[in-house]
Amino acid sequence: MRTSIRFYECEHNGDMENYLVDLKDSGAVIGDWTIDEDEEVGTVYVVIEDVEKFKTKFAETVSYEFSSLA
């Protein structure tokens, strides 16, 4: 599945780096990503092979609560 995930309270690359690590560790393949510093929103484009496994693992991360998946 190809999709995008938005992250709120994403103010700079340091925030995004944490989100990217959690996404990757949860099984997502990272594509492109952007940050709108004025809106403090980041968007990550991902490919997820096993959606249920990803959802379970990602829900256990701190990044989850800042994402559009929460």
Protein backbone atom coordinates (compact mmCIF):
# COMPACT_ATOMS: atom_id res chain seq x y z
CA MET A 1 0.00 0.00 0.00
CA ARG A 2 1.24 3.48 -0.90
CA THR A 3 0.06 6.30 1.33
CA SER A 4 1.04 9.53 3.02
CA ILE A 5 1.17 10.14 6.76
CA ARG A 6 1.04 13.61 8.25
CA PHE A 7 2.83 14.57 11.44
CA TYR A 8 1.68 17.49 13.56
CA GLU A 9 4.04 19.52 15.75
CA CYS A 10 6.79 18.90 13.21
CA GLU A 11 8.86 22.03 13.53
CA HIS A 12 12.23 20.99 12.06
CA ASN A 13 14.33 18.14 10.66
CA GLY A 14 15.07 16.85 14.17
CA ASP A 15 11.39 16.10 14.71
CA MET A 16 11.11 14.50 11.28
CA GLU A 17 14.17 12.31 11.86
CA ASN A 18 12.47 10.75 14.89
CA TYR A 19 9.26 10.14 12.95
CA LEU A 20 11.18 8.57 10.04
CA VAL A 21 13.03 6.18 12.36
CA ASP A 22 9.79 5.03 13.97
CA LEU A 23 8.13 4.56 10.57
CA LYS A 24 11.06 2.53 9.25
CA ASP A 25 11.34 0.45 12.43
CA SER A 26 7.63 -0.31 12.13
CA GLY A 27 8.02 -1.68 8.61
CA ALA A 28 7.37 1.27 6.30
CA VAL A 29 9.56 1.99 3.29
CA ILE A 30 10.16 5.73 3.23
CA GLY A 31 9.72 7.62 -0.01
CA ASP A 32 9.80 11.39 -0.11
CA TRP A 33 8.94 13.72 2.77
CA THR A 34 8.32 17.42 3.30
CA ILE A 35 8.04 19.86 6.18
CA ASP A 36 5.89 22.99 6.24
CA GLU A 37 7.61 24.88 9.04
CA ASP A 38 4.98 27.65 9.05
CA GLU A 39 2.18 25.14 9.69
CA GLU A 40 4.46 22.81 11.74
CA VAL A 41 3.30 19.84 9.68
CA GLY A 42 5.40 17.16 8.03
CA THR A 43 4.21 14.73 5.39
CA VAL A 44 5.89 11.40 4.68
CA TYR A 45 5.13 9.25 1.64
CA VAL A 46 5.51 5.55 2.43
CA VAL A 47 4.99 2.07 1.05
CA ILE A 48 3.73 -0.50 3.54
CA GLU A 49 3.75 -4.20 2.69
CA ASP A 50 2.08 -5.65 5.81
CA VAL A 51 -0.42 -3.00 6.88
CA GLU A 52 -1.72 -4.77 10.00
CA LYS A 53 1.78 -5.49 11.31
CA PHE A 54 2.81 -1.90 10.61
CA LYS A 55 -0.23 -0.46 12.40
CA THR A 56 0.40 -2.60 15.46
CA LYS A 57 4.10 -1.70 15.72
CA PHE A 58 3.68 1.98 14.86
CA ALA A 59 0.90 2.42 17.43
CA GLU A 60 3.47 1.55 20.12
CA THR A 61 5.76 4.47 19.19
CA VAL A 62 5.82 8.02 20.51
CA SER A 63 5.53 9.28 16.92
CA TYR A 64 2.11 7.67 16.56
CA GLU A 65 0.39 10.24 18.78
CA PHE A 66 1.65 13.06 16.53
CA SER A 67 0.53 11.36 13.32
CA SER A 68 -2.61 11.42 11.22
CA LEU A 69 -3.04 7.72 12.09
CA ALA A 70 -3.83 8.42 15.76
